[in-house]
């Protein structure tokens, strides 16, 4: 079992206060650890770039990794500054991955302005990472409807209650709004909010990373080349 083989690193923190208002400086000392011999990255078919990702997510799930489909999604705002947040990868299909979100959120606004995004999935317990780059576009409404209907009832209510990324004065305000919507839909089906949807990311590049002893890590990158994909190994 992967989780039984991992030797977690321990961390010691030393905080040194500096005389600049209320700021402090922290120096972190990390005890290094050696990565295990996790084998070799093997790509069965470069033209199926997400096949290994699907397998790795399943292996992470089987080994008890919490939310193995969580990924860090990076966008760029209007000033050119990068923005990053965690989202849940909800489907893999051919050369595309997808996630769902409030279409009025900051990330949605940024994607509509500049659709090129990157995502990173990291499983420290498995000593594995996947980096993805591609172009995002809005998902078909039928697919969003299908996913919405599969969500727990309270999650569907929460989708209506949240003005995502907008200023919230108090948590009580959010809870009150949730209760009002829950009461409004009592005994009824909860429809898909018009401001809720999803994005599919069409991949241009996928990099698989596997930790190895002596920092001689495995890196394999798949890159789109017209209608096919090329495979290369990279120095760690």
Protein backbone atom coordinates (compact mmCIF):
# COMPACT_ATOMS: atom_id res chain seq x y z
CA UNK A 1 0.00 0.00 0.00
CA UNK A 2 1.39 3.39 -0.99
CA UNK A 3 0.38 5.17 2.20
CA UNK A 4 2.19 2.62 4.34
CA UNK A 5 5.46 3.32 2.51
CA UNK A 6 5.51 7.09 2.79
CA UNK A 7 7.85 8.67 5.33
CA UNK A 8 6.35 12.07 6.07
CA UNK A 9 8.72 15.00 6.67
CA UNK A 10 8.47 16.84 9.97
CA UNK A 11 8.71 20.61 10.15
CA UNK A 12 10.19 22.93 12.78
CA UNK A 13 9.26 26.60 12.76
CA UNK A 14 11.21 29.51 14.21
CA UNK A 15 9.54 32.94 14.11
CA UNK A 16 11.74 36.04 14.38
CA UNK A 17 9.78 39.27 15.05
CA UNK A 18 10.85 42.38 13.16
CA UNK A 19 9.98 45.97 14.02
CA UNK A 20 7.67 46.77 11.11
CA UNK A 21 4.21 47.32 12.53
CA UNK A 22 2.50 44.03 13.29
CA UNK A 23 4.50 42.00 10.77
CA UNK A 24 6.75 39.11 11.72
CA UNK A 25 9.23 37.03 9.81
CA UNK A 26 9.22 33.24 10.04
CA UNK A 27 12.16 31.07 9.16
CA UNK A 28 11.13 27.48 8.48
CA UNK A 29 13.54 24.62 9.00
CA UNK A 30 12.48 21.48 7.19
CA UNK A 31 13.89 18.04 7.90
CA UNK A 32 14.50 16.56 4.47
CA UNK A 33 13.38 13.08 3.62
CA UNK A 34 14.32 10.68 0.89
CA UNK A 35 11.71 9.77 -1.71
CA UNK A 36 11.11 6.07 -2.15
CA UNK A 37 11.71 4.14 -5.36
CA UNK A 38 8.25 4.56 -6.85
CA UNK A 39 9.03 2.93 -10.18
CA UNK A 40 9.00 4.52 -13.59
CA UNK A 41 6.43 6.57 -15.48
CA UNK A 42 5.12 4.54 -18.39
CA UNK A 43 2.81 6.07 -21.01
CA UNK A 44 0.87 3.36 -22.86
CA UNK A 45 -0.45 5.69 -25.57
CA UNK A 46 0.60 9.35 -25.88
CA UNK A 47 -2.56 10.03 -27.90
CA UNK A 48 -4.59 9.20 -24.79
CA UNK A 49 -2.95 11.87 -22.59
CA UNK A 50 -5.30 11.49 -19.62
CA UNK A 51 -5.17 7.71 -19.30
CA UNK A 52 -2.43 7.81 -16.66
CA UNK A 53 -4.14 10.66 -14.80
CA UNK A 54 -7.30 8.56 -14.54
CA UNK A 55 -5.28 5.63 -13.16
CA UNK A 56 -3.42 7.79 -10.67
CA UNK A 57 -6.64 9.35 -9.35
CA UNK A 58 -8.12 5.89 -8.88
CA UNK A 59 -5.00 4.63 -7.08
CA UNK A 60 -5.02 7.70 -4.83
CA UNK A 61 -8.68 7.05 -4.00
CA UNK A 62 -7.98 3.39 -3.23
CA UNK A 63 -5.17 4.44 -0.89
CA UNK A 64 -7.33 6.78 1.14
CA UNK A 65 -6.18 10.14 -0.23
CA UNK A 66 -8.74 12.80 0.71
CA UNK A 67 -10.38 14.35 -2.37
CA UNK A 68 -7.88 12.87 -4.84
CA UNK A 69 -9.53 14.89 -7.64
CA UNK A 70 -8.75 18.28 -6.10
CA UNK A 71 -6.56 20.53 -8.22
CA UNK A 72 -5.03 23.98 -8.05
CA UNK A 73 -6.40 26.10 -10.91
CA UNK A 74 -4.46 29.15 -12.10
CA UNK A 75 -5.94 32.03 -14.12
CA UNK A 76 -4.80 35.57 -14.92
CA UNK A 77 -6.70 38.72 -13.94
CA UNK A 78 -7.20 41.90 -15.97
CA UNK A 79 -3.87 43.36 -14.80
CA UNK A 80 -1.94 40.25 -15.82
CA UNK A 81 -1.47 39.01 -12.26
CA UNK A 82 -1.86 35.26 -11.64
CA UNK A 83 -4.71 34.01 -9.44
CA UNK A 84 -4.91 30.54 -7.93
CA UNK A 85 -7.47 28.45 -6.06
CA UNK A 86 -8.49 24.84 -5.44
CA UNK A 87 -11.33 23.27 -7.43
CA UNK A 88 -12.57 19.72 -7.91
CA UNK A 89 -11.90 17.97 -11.19
CA UNK A 90 -15.23 16.39 -12.08
CA UNK A 91 -14.67 14.63 -15.39
CA UNK A 92 -12.01 13.42 -17.81
CA UNK A 93 -13.00 12.87 -21.40
CA UNK A 94 -10.59 12.34 -24.29
CA UNK A 95 -8.25 15.32 -24.11
CA UNK A 96 -10.46 17.40 -21.79
CA UNK A 97 -11.05 17.80 -18.07
CA UNK A 98 -13.91 19.72 -16.47
CA UNK A 99 -15.01 21.47 -13.29
CA UNK A 100 -18.15 23.29 -12.13
CA UNK A 101 -18.46 26.73 -10.59
CA UNK A 102 -20.43 29.93 -10.15
CA UNK A 103 -20.20 31.70 -13.51
CA UNK A 104 -20.05 35.09 -11.78
CA UNK A 105 -17.01 34.14 -9.69
CA UNK A 106 -13.62 35.78 -10.17
CA UNK A 107 -12.22 32.71 -11.92
CA UNK A 108 -15.12 32.64 -14.38
CA UNK A 109 -14.71 36.33 -15.20
CA UNK A 110 -10.97 35.81 -15.69
CA UNK A 111 -11.46 32.75 -17.90
CA UNK A 112 -13.93 34.60 -20.12
CA UNK A 113 -11.38 37.41 -20.54
CA UNK A 114 -8.37 35.11 -21.07
CA UNK A 115 -9.21 31.40 -21.43
CA UNK A 116 -5.70 29.97 -21.09
CA UNK A 117 -5.33 28.22 -17.72
CA UNK A 118 -3.10 25.78 -15.90
CA UNK A 119 -3.86 23.25 -13.18
CA UNK A 120 -1.78 21.15 -10.79
CA UNK A 121 -2.82 17.98 -9.01
CA UNK A 122 -0.52 16.93 -6.17
CA UNK A 123 -0.73 13.78 -4.07
CA UNK A 124 2.05 14.05 -1.43
CA UNK A 125 1.11 10.65 -0.01
CA UNK A 126 1.76 9.09 -3.42
CA UNK A 127 4.74 11.31 -4.29
CA UNK A 128 3.06 12.14 -7.59
CA UNK A 129 2.09 15.32 -9.41
CA UNK A 130 0.34 16.18 -12.67
CA UNK A 131 0.53 19.60 -14.37
CA UNK A 132 -1.99 20.55 -17.02
CA UNK A 133 -2.10 23.48 -19.45
CA UNK A 134 -4.89 24.27 -21.87
CA UNK A 135 -7.75 26.46 -22.99
CA UNK A 136 -11.01 26.66 -21.03
CA UNK A 137 -14.47 27.04 -22.53
CA UNK A 138 -17.99 26.91 -21.13
CA UNK A 139 -19.51 23.49 -20.69
CA UNK A 140 -22.71 22.41 -22.43
CA UNK A 141 -25.74 23.31 -20.32
CA UNK A 142 -27.03 19.73 -20.49
CA UNK A 143 -23.87 18.44 -18.77
CA UNK A 144 -24.18 21.10 -16.08
CA UNK A 145 -27.82 20.12 -15.53
CA UNK A 146 -26.82 16.47 -15.22
CA UNK A 147 -24.18 17.23 -12.61
CA UNK A 148 -26.43 19.65 -10.70
CA UNK A 149 -29.14 17.01 -10.34
CA UNK A 150 -26.61 14.55 -8.88
CA UNK A 151 -25.48 16.88 -6.08
CA UNK A 152 -26.75 16.62 -2.49
CA UNK A 153 -29.82 18.78 -1.90
CA UNK A 154 -28.04 21.14 0.50
CA UNK A 155 -25.23 21.68 -2.02
CA UNK A 156 -27.80 22.72 -4.62
CA UNK A 157 -29.34 25.15 -2.13
CA UNK A 158 -25.88 26.54 -1.35
CA UNK A 159 -25.34 27.22 -5.06
CA UNK A 160 -28.36 29.55 -4.96
CA UNK A 161 -27.32 31.15 -1.66
CA UNK A 162 -23.75 32.12 -2.56
CA UNK A 163 -22.88 35.33 -4.38
CA UNK A 164 -19.43 33.86 -4.87
CA UNK A 165 -16.45 36.21 -4.45
CA UNK A 166 -18.69 39.12 -3.41
CA UNK A 167 -18.24 40.86 -0.06
CA UNK A 168 -20.05 39.18 2.85
CA UNK A 169 -20.62 41.32 5.95
CA UNK A 170 -21.24 38.46 8.40
CA UNK A 171 -21.56 34.68 8.25
CA UNK A 172 -25.05 35.06 9.72
CA UNK A 173 -26.08 36.83 6.52
CA UNK A 174 -25.07 33.78 4.47
CA UNK A 175 -26.82 31.35 6.84
CA UNK A 176 -29.98 33.46 6.77
CA UNK A 177 -30.00 33.47 2.98
CA UNK A 178 -29.45 29.70 2.91
CA UNK A 179 -32.40 29.15 5.25
CA UNK A 180 -34.63 31.43 3.17
CA UNK A 181 -33.85 29.53 -0.03
CA UNK A 182 -34.23 26.18 1.73
CA UNK A 183 -37.68 27.26 2.86
CA UNK A 184 -38.58 28.55 -0.62
CA UNK A 185 -37.76 25.20 -2.24
CA UNK A 186 -39.22 23.00 0.50
CA UNK A 187 -40.94 20.02 -1.12
CA UNK A 188 -39.83 21.14 -4.59
CA UNK A 189 -37.11 20.27 -7.03
CA UNK A 190 -34.22 22.71 -6.89
CA UNK A 191 -33.53 24.10 -10.38
CA UNK A 192 -30.11 24.88 -11.76
CA UNK A 193 -29.25 28.53 -10.99
CA UNK A 194 -28.86 30.57 -14.20
CA UNK A 195 -25.50 31.83 -12.90
CA UNK A 196 -24.07 28.38 -12.26
CA UNK A 197 -22.17 26.32 -14.83
CA UNK A 198 -18.89 24.69 -15.67
CA UNK A 199 -15.77 24.80 -17.79
CA UNK A 200 -14.01 22.20 -19.86
CA UNK A 201 -10.26 22.56 -20.34
CA UNK A 202 -8.97 21.31 -23.69
CA UNK A 203 -5.43 20.19 -23.03
CA UNK A 204 -2.31 21.37 -24.85
CA UNK A 205 0.23 19.98 -22.41
CA UNK A 206 0.30 17.40 -19.59
CA UNK A 207 3.29 16.67 -17.39
CA UNK A 208 3.52 13.64 -15.10
CA UNK A 209 5.95 13.78 -12.18
CA UNK A 210 7.01 10.95 -9.87
CA UNK A 211 9.30 11.35 -6.85
CA UNK A 212 12.46 9.20 -6.86
CA UNK A 213 15.46 8.76 -4.53
CA UNK A 214 18.32 11.33 -4.57
CA UNK A 215 15.99 13.89 -6.20
CA UNK A 216 16.37 12.05 -9.52
CA UNK A 217 12.65 12.41 -10.13
CA UNK A 218 10.72 11.12 -13.13
CA UNK A 219 9.21 13.73 -15.48
CA UNK A 220 7.30 12.87 -18.64
CA UNK A 221 5.55 15.56 -20.69
CA UNK A 222 2.91 15.03 -23.37
CA UNK A 223 2.44 17.92 -25.82
CA UNK A 224 -0.26 18.42 -28.42
CA UNK A 225 1.10 18.55 -31.96
CA UNK A 226 -1.78 19.27 -34.39
CA UNK A 227 -3.92 16.11 -34.24
CA UNK A 228 -1.49 13.95 -32.29
CA UNK A 229 0.57 14.02 -29.09
CA UNK A 230 4.33 13.77 -28.59
CA UNK A 231 6.09 12.34 -25.53
CA UNK A 232 9.33 13.56 -23.98
CA UNK A 233 11.26 12.92 -20.80
CA UNK A 234 12.63 15.93 -18.91
CA UNK A 235 15.50 16.40 -16.50
CA UNK A 236 14.19 16.74 -12.93
